């Protein structure tokens, strides 16, 4: 996105920045208010009541970065997912609201009598843990569950461990630096994953996503199915009899993914 940038040599107030930003096409005004709230350590309602509040020069760089397409979560170091807050750093995929569907499906299957009722122990694995938002949310919702999580990105693994510690579930989560899923000494009751599933060169991917988020967490070969092909044999080799595999996929990939897994 091409936007007028704030000049760090000039003085700006909250009101002036909010007014100028309305002329910046494509800038999410809600995200800008959230960023200003974070920078000033004040609630967003305070911004409306104090338009005269000054912004220091160092505060202008994150505003300019947001206008240029940097994800808000990378600028604040935080992201909200499923009513919980998680640490976030550049180089780790920002969890999307769509992945709450994956979370809901995992929790539903852990509730099924044929698997494990809510108060019974279960052992699960997330392949491609990213920030840890999904697996930590599972552990928060199911105190009798233990988990293993894998990722090829060491930065993601470190952030997932930080988030597990933040929410008090680190003792129930083992994070492994691994591609897909290494052989497990004890099979899992459930394996779940939001793997990269975008085809290389897909023109629908937003430019700011391409510019800022890790390609390894987004793209999977010419058809977007490369990781599913590797996940299928590894997952079934590590599931208990009667275990379950739950994956997130693209909206046009359902038939292809079902065919791979049947």
Protein backbone atom coordinates (compact mmCIF):
# COMPACT_ATOMS: atom_id res chain seq x y z
CA UNK A 1 0.00 0.00 0.00
CA UNK A 2 1.30 3.49 -0.86
CA UNK A 3 0.44 5.89 1.94
CA UNK A 4 1.58 9.30 3.14
CA UNK A 5 4.05 8.64 5.93
CA UNK A 6 4.37 10.66 9.11
CA UNK A 7 7.53 12.74 9.16
CA UNK A 8 9.51 11.99 12.33
CA UNK A 9 10.93 15.52 12.20
CA UNK A 10 7.45 16.96 12.76
CA UNK A 11 5.28 17.04 15.86
CA UNK A 12 1.97 15.17 15.84
CA UNK A 13 -0.96 14.74 18.20
CA UNK A 14 -3.34 11.80 18.48
CA UNK A 15 -6.08 13.79 16.77
CA UNK A 16 -3.80 14.85 13.91
CA UNK A 17 -2.67 11.28 13.25
CA UNK A 18 -6.21 9.90 13.33
CA UNK A 19 -7.37 12.65 10.97
CA UNK A 20 -4.47 12.14 8.55
CA UNK A 21 -4.92 8.37 8.58
CA UNK A 22 -8.48 8.67 7.29
CA UNK A 23 -6.94 9.73 4.00
CA UNK A 24 -4.72 6.63 3.80
CA UNK A 25 -6.54 4.10 1.58
CA UNK A 26 -6.61 0.58 2.94
CA UNK A 27 -5.46 1.40 6.47
CA UNK A 28 -7.57 -0.35 9.10
CA UNK A 29 -8.69 2.46 11.40
CA UNK A 30 -9.52 0.05 14.21
CA UNK A 31 -5.98 -1.35 14.07
CA UNK A 32 -4.54 2.17 14.13
CA UNK A 33 -6.50 3.04 17.27
CA UNK A 34 -5.38 -0.23 18.83
CA UNK A 35 -1.75 0.57 17.99
CA UNK A 36 -1.98 4.10 19.41
CA UNK A 37 -3.60 2.68 22.53
CA UNK A 38 -0.70 0.26 22.87
CA UNK A 39 1.95 2.93 22.29
CA UNK A 40 0.41 5.37 24.77
CA UNK A 41 -0.61 2.68 27.28
CA UNK A 42 -4.13 4.07 27.38
CA UNK A 43 -7.53 2.58 26.47
CA UNK A 44 -8.90 3.41 23.03
CA UNK A 45 -11.66 5.50 24.63
CA UNK A 46 -8.93 7.76 26.03
CA UNK A 47 -7.79 8.60 22.51
CA UNK A 48 -11.16 10.14 21.69
CA UNK A 49 -11.13 12.25 24.86
CA UNK A 50 -7.52 13.42 24.40
CA UNK A 51 -6.95 14.36 20.74
CA UNK A 52 -4.37 16.91 21.86
CA UNK A 53 -2.08 14.26 23.38
CA UNK A 54 1.34 14.36 21.71
CA UNK A 55 3.06 11.43 20.06
CA UNK A 56 6.79 11.12 20.57
CA UNK A 57 9.02 10.68 17.53
CA UNK A 58 9.72 6.97 18.25
CA UNK A 59 5.95 6.33 18.18
CA UNK A 60 5.70 7.44 14.56
CA UNK A 61 7.76 4.55 13.17
CA UNK A 62 5.22 1.86 14.20
CA UNK A 63 2.38 3.98 12.76
CA UNK A 64 4.27 4.28 9.48
CA UNK A 65 4.95 0.53 9.53
CA UNK A 66 1.25 -0.23 10.03
CA UNK A 67 0.40 2.05 7.13
CA UNK A 68 2.95 0.18 5.01
CA UNK A 69 1.30 -3.18 5.75
CA UNK A 70 3.19 -4.60 8.74
CA UNK A 71 0.78 -6.79 10.73
CA UNK A 72 -0.46 -5.12 13.91
CA UNK A 73 0.55 -8.13 15.99
CA UNK A 74 4.20 -7.68 14.99
CA UNK A 75 4.10 -4.05 16.14
CA UNK A 76 2.41 -4.64 19.49
CA UNK A 77 4.01 -8.02 20.23
CA UNK A 78 0.56 -9.38 21.09
CA UNK A 79 -2.32 -11.11 19.35
CA UNK A 80 -5.74 -12.16 20.62
CA UNK A 81 -7.08 -15.60 19.77
CA UNK A 82 -10.09 -17.42 21.22
CA UNK A 83 -10.41 -14.86 24.05
CA UNK A 84 -6.77 -15.23 25.12
CA UNK A 85 -3.76 -12.99 24.49
CA UNK A 86 -0.53 -14.42 23.09
CA UNK A 87 2.99 -13.17 22.53
CA UNK A 88 3.86 -12.56 18.88
CA UNK A 89 7.07 -11.69 17.03
CA UNK A 90 7.97 -11.16 13.36
CA UNK A 91 8.77 -14.41 11.59
CA UNK A 92 5.87 -16.31 13.16
CA UNK A 93 2.52 -16.68 11.38
CA UNK A 94 -0.18 -14.49 12.91
CA UNK A 95 -3.10 -16.75 13.94
CA UNK A 96 -6.35 -15.99 12.11
CA UNK A 97 -9.86 -16.06 13.49
CA UNK A 98 -10.61 -18.86 10.98
CA UNK A 99 -8.44 -21.18 13.06
CA UNK A 100 -10.95 -21.01 15.92
CA UNK A 101 -12.90 -23.49 13.77
CA UNK A 102 -9.96 -25.90 14.05
CA UNK A 103 -9.89 -25.32 17.81
CA UNK A 104 -13.61 -25.96 18.11
CA UNK A 105 -13.38 -29.19 16.12
CA UNK A 106 -10.48 -30.47 18.24
CA UNK A 107 -12.35 -29.75 21.48
CA UNK A 108 -15.52 -31.36 20.14
CA UNK A 109 -13.70 -34.56 19.25
CA UNK A 110 -12.03 -34.68 22.65
CA UNK A 111 -15.54 -34.59 24.13
CA UNK A 112 -16.90 -37.51 22.14
CA UNK A 113 -17.52 -40.61 24.30
CA UNK A 114 -15.75 -42.75 21.71
CA UNK A 115 -12.61 -40.66 22.27
CA UNK A 116 -12.11 -38.96 25.64
CA UNK A 117 -14.70 -37.23 27.83
CA UNK A 118 -13.76 -33.79 29.09
CA UNK A 119 -12.40 -35.05 32.44
CA UNK A 120 -10.36 -37.96 31.08
CA UNK A 121 -6.67 -37.92 30.11
CA UNK A 122 -5.79 -37.60 26.44
CA UNK A 123 -2.57 -37.11 24.52
CA UNK A 124 -2.66 -34.84 21.46
CA UNK A 125 -0.21 -33.40 18.94
CA UNK A 126 -0.26 -30.21 16.88
CA UNK A 127 1.82 -30.27 13.70
CA UNK A 128 2.96 -26.73 12.83
CA UNK A 129 2.49 -25.06 16.19
CA UNK A 130 3.32 -21.49 15.12
CA UNK A 131 2.65 -19.14 18.01
CA UNK A 132 1.07 -21.93 20.03
CA UNK A 133 -2.31 -20.18 20.09
CA UNK A 134 -4.33 -23.27 19.15
CA UNK A 135 -2.60 -25.91 21.26
CA UNK A 136 -2.39 -23.62 24.31
CA UNK A 137 -6.11 -22.88 23.93
CA UNK A 138 -6.77 -26.64 23.83
CA UNK A 139 -4.76 -27.16 27.02
CA UNK A 140 -6.54 -24.27 28.76
CA UNK A 141 -9.93 -25.73 27.88
CA UNK A 142 -9.01 -29.35 28.71
CA UNK A 143 -6.93 -29.60 31.91
CA UNK A 144 -6.51 -33.38 31.57
CA UNK A 145 -4.91 -33.16 28.12
CA UNK A 146 -1.15 -33.26 27.46
CA UNK A 147 0.35 -32.26 24.13
CA UNK A 148 3.34 -32.43 21.83
CA UNK A 149 3.76 -29.72 19.19
CA UNK A 150 6.14 -29.54 16.26
CA UNK A 151 7.42 -26.82 13.96
CA UNK A 152 10.37 -26.40 11.60
CA UNK A 153 10.69 -22.75 12.61
CA UNK A 154 12.79 -22.34 15.79
CA UNK A 155 11.40 -18.84 16.34
CA UNK A 156 7.87 -20.25 16.33
CA UNK A 157 8.85 -23.02 18.74
CA UNK A 158 10.33 -20.50 21.17
CA UNK A 159 7.24 -18.28 21.00
CA UNK A 160 4.94 -21.28 21.54
CA UNK A 161 6.91 -22.19 24.67
CA UNK A 162 6.67 -18.61 25.94
CA UNK A 163 2.92 -18.63 25.39
CA UNK A 164 2.53 -21.96 27.15
CA UNK A 165 4.43 -20.54 30.14
CA UNK A 166 2.37 -17.35 30.04
CA UNK A 167 -0.83 -19.34 30.39
CA UNK A 168 0.46 -21.86 32.91
CA UNK A 169 0.38 -24.95 30.68
CA UNK A 170 4.10 -25.39 29.92
CA UNK A 171 4.30 -28.55 32.03
CA UNK A 172 1.75 -30.21 29.72
CA UNK A 173 3.31 -29.16 26.40
CA UNK A 174 6.45 -30.47 24.73
CA UNK A 175 7.60 -28.43 21.72
CA UNK A 176 9.83 -30.19 19.17
CA UNK A 177 11.79 -28.68 16.31
CA UNK A 178 10.76 -31.12 13.61
CA UNK A 179 9.36 -31.37 10.11
CA UNK A 180 5.80 -32.74 10.23
CA UNK A 181 5.89 -35.44 12.91
CA UNK A 182 8.73 -37.64 14.16
CA UNK A 183 7.92 -41.16 15.37
CA UNK A 184 6.33 -41.06 18.81
CA UNK A 185 7.09 -43.58 21.54
CA UNK A 186 3.46 -43.31 22.67
CA UNK A 187 0.76 -42.86 20.01
CA UNK A 188 -1.61 -39.90 20.15
CA UNK A 189 -5.35 -39.90 20.67
CA UNK A 190 -5.72 -36.91 18.34
CA UNK A 191 -3.45 -35.06 15.91
CA UNK A 192 -4.36 -31.68 14.50
CA UNK A 193 -2.75 -29.18 12.15
CA UNK A 194 -3.14 -25.91 10.34
CA UNK A 195 -0.37 -26.60 7.81
CA UNK A 196 0.69 -24.30 4.98
CA UNK A 197 -1.87 -24.91 2.24
CA UNK A 198 -1.53 -22.04 -0.24
CA UNK A 199 -0.29 -22.85 -3.73
CA UNK A 200 2.95 -21.18 -4.74
CA UNK A 201 2.24 -18.07 -6.78
CA UNK A 202 -1.42 -17.80 -5.71
CA UNK A 203 -2.41 -14.26 -6.80
CA UNK A 204 -5.05 -14.01 -4.07
CA UNK A 205 -2.44 -13.68 -1.30
CA UNK A 206 -2.37 -10.10 -0.02
CA UNK A 207 0.87 -8.23 -0.73
CA UNK A 208 1.38 -7.32 2.94
CA UNK A 209 1.14 -11.01 3.88
CA UNK A 210 3.74 -11.89 1.25
CA UNK A 211 6.01 -9.11 2.45
CA UNK A 212 5.87 -9.81 6.18
CA UNK A 213 4.71 -13.30 7.15
CA UNK A 214 6.85 -16.46 6.87
CA UNK A 215 6.51 -18.20 3.50
CA UNK A 216 7.21 -21.57 5.13
CA UNK A 217 3.95 -21.25 7.08
CA UNK A 218 1.91 -20.21 4.04
CA UNK A 219 2.95 -22.08 0.89
CA UNK A 220 3.02 -25.80 0.10
CA UNK A 221 3.98 -26.63 -3.45
CA UNK A 222 2.25 -25.97 -6.73
CA UNK A 223 -1.17 -27.10 -5.50
CA UNK A 224 -0.94 -26.27 -1.80
CA UNK A 225 -1.19 -29.95 -0.83
CA UNK A 226 2.48 -30.84 -0.31
CA UNK A 227 2.31 -30.79 3.50
CA UNK A 228 -0.92 -32.79 3.55
CA UNK A 229 0.81 -35.51 1.52
CA UNK A 230 3.62 -35.71 4.08
CA UNK A 231 1.29 -35.43 7.04
CA UNK A 232 -1.01 -38.31 6.05
CA UNK A 233 1.40 -41.25 6.54
CA UNK A 234 3.12 -39.65 9.54
CA UNK A 235 -0.15 -38.95 11.32
CA UNK A 236 -1.65 -42.39 10.84
CA UNK A 237 1.60 -44.02 11.97
CA UNK A 238 1.37 -42.08 15.24
CA UNK A 239 -2.34 -42.37 16.08
CA UNK A 240 -3.91 -44.71 18.60
CA UNK A 241 -6.45 -47.16 17.15
CA UNK A 242 -9.63 -45.12 16.82
CA UNK A 243 -7.65 -41.88 16.99
CA UNK A 244 -8.56 -38.79 15.02
CA UNK A 245 -6.79 -36.42 12.63
CA UNK A 246 -8.19 -32.87 12.26
CA UNK A 247 -6.77 -30.40 9.73
CA UNK A 248 -7.51 -26.91 8.51
CA UNK A 249 -7.43 -26.47 4.72
CA UNK A 250 -8.30 -23.98 1.99
CA UNK A 251 -11.94 -23.46 1.11
CA UNK A 252 -11.49 -25.13 -2.30
CA UNK A 253 -9.38 -28.03 -1.05
CA UNK A 254 -11.92 -30.13 0.83
CA UNK A 255 -12.36 -32.84 -1.79
CA UNK A 256 -8.62 -33.12 -2.47
CA UNK A 257 -7.74 -33.33 1.22
CA UNK A 258 -10.46 -35.91 1.88
CA UNK A 259 -9.12 -38.00 -0.98
CA UNK A 260 -5.62 -37.88 0.45
CA UNK A 261 -6.77 -39.03 3.88
CA UNK A 262 -9.08 -41.87 2.78
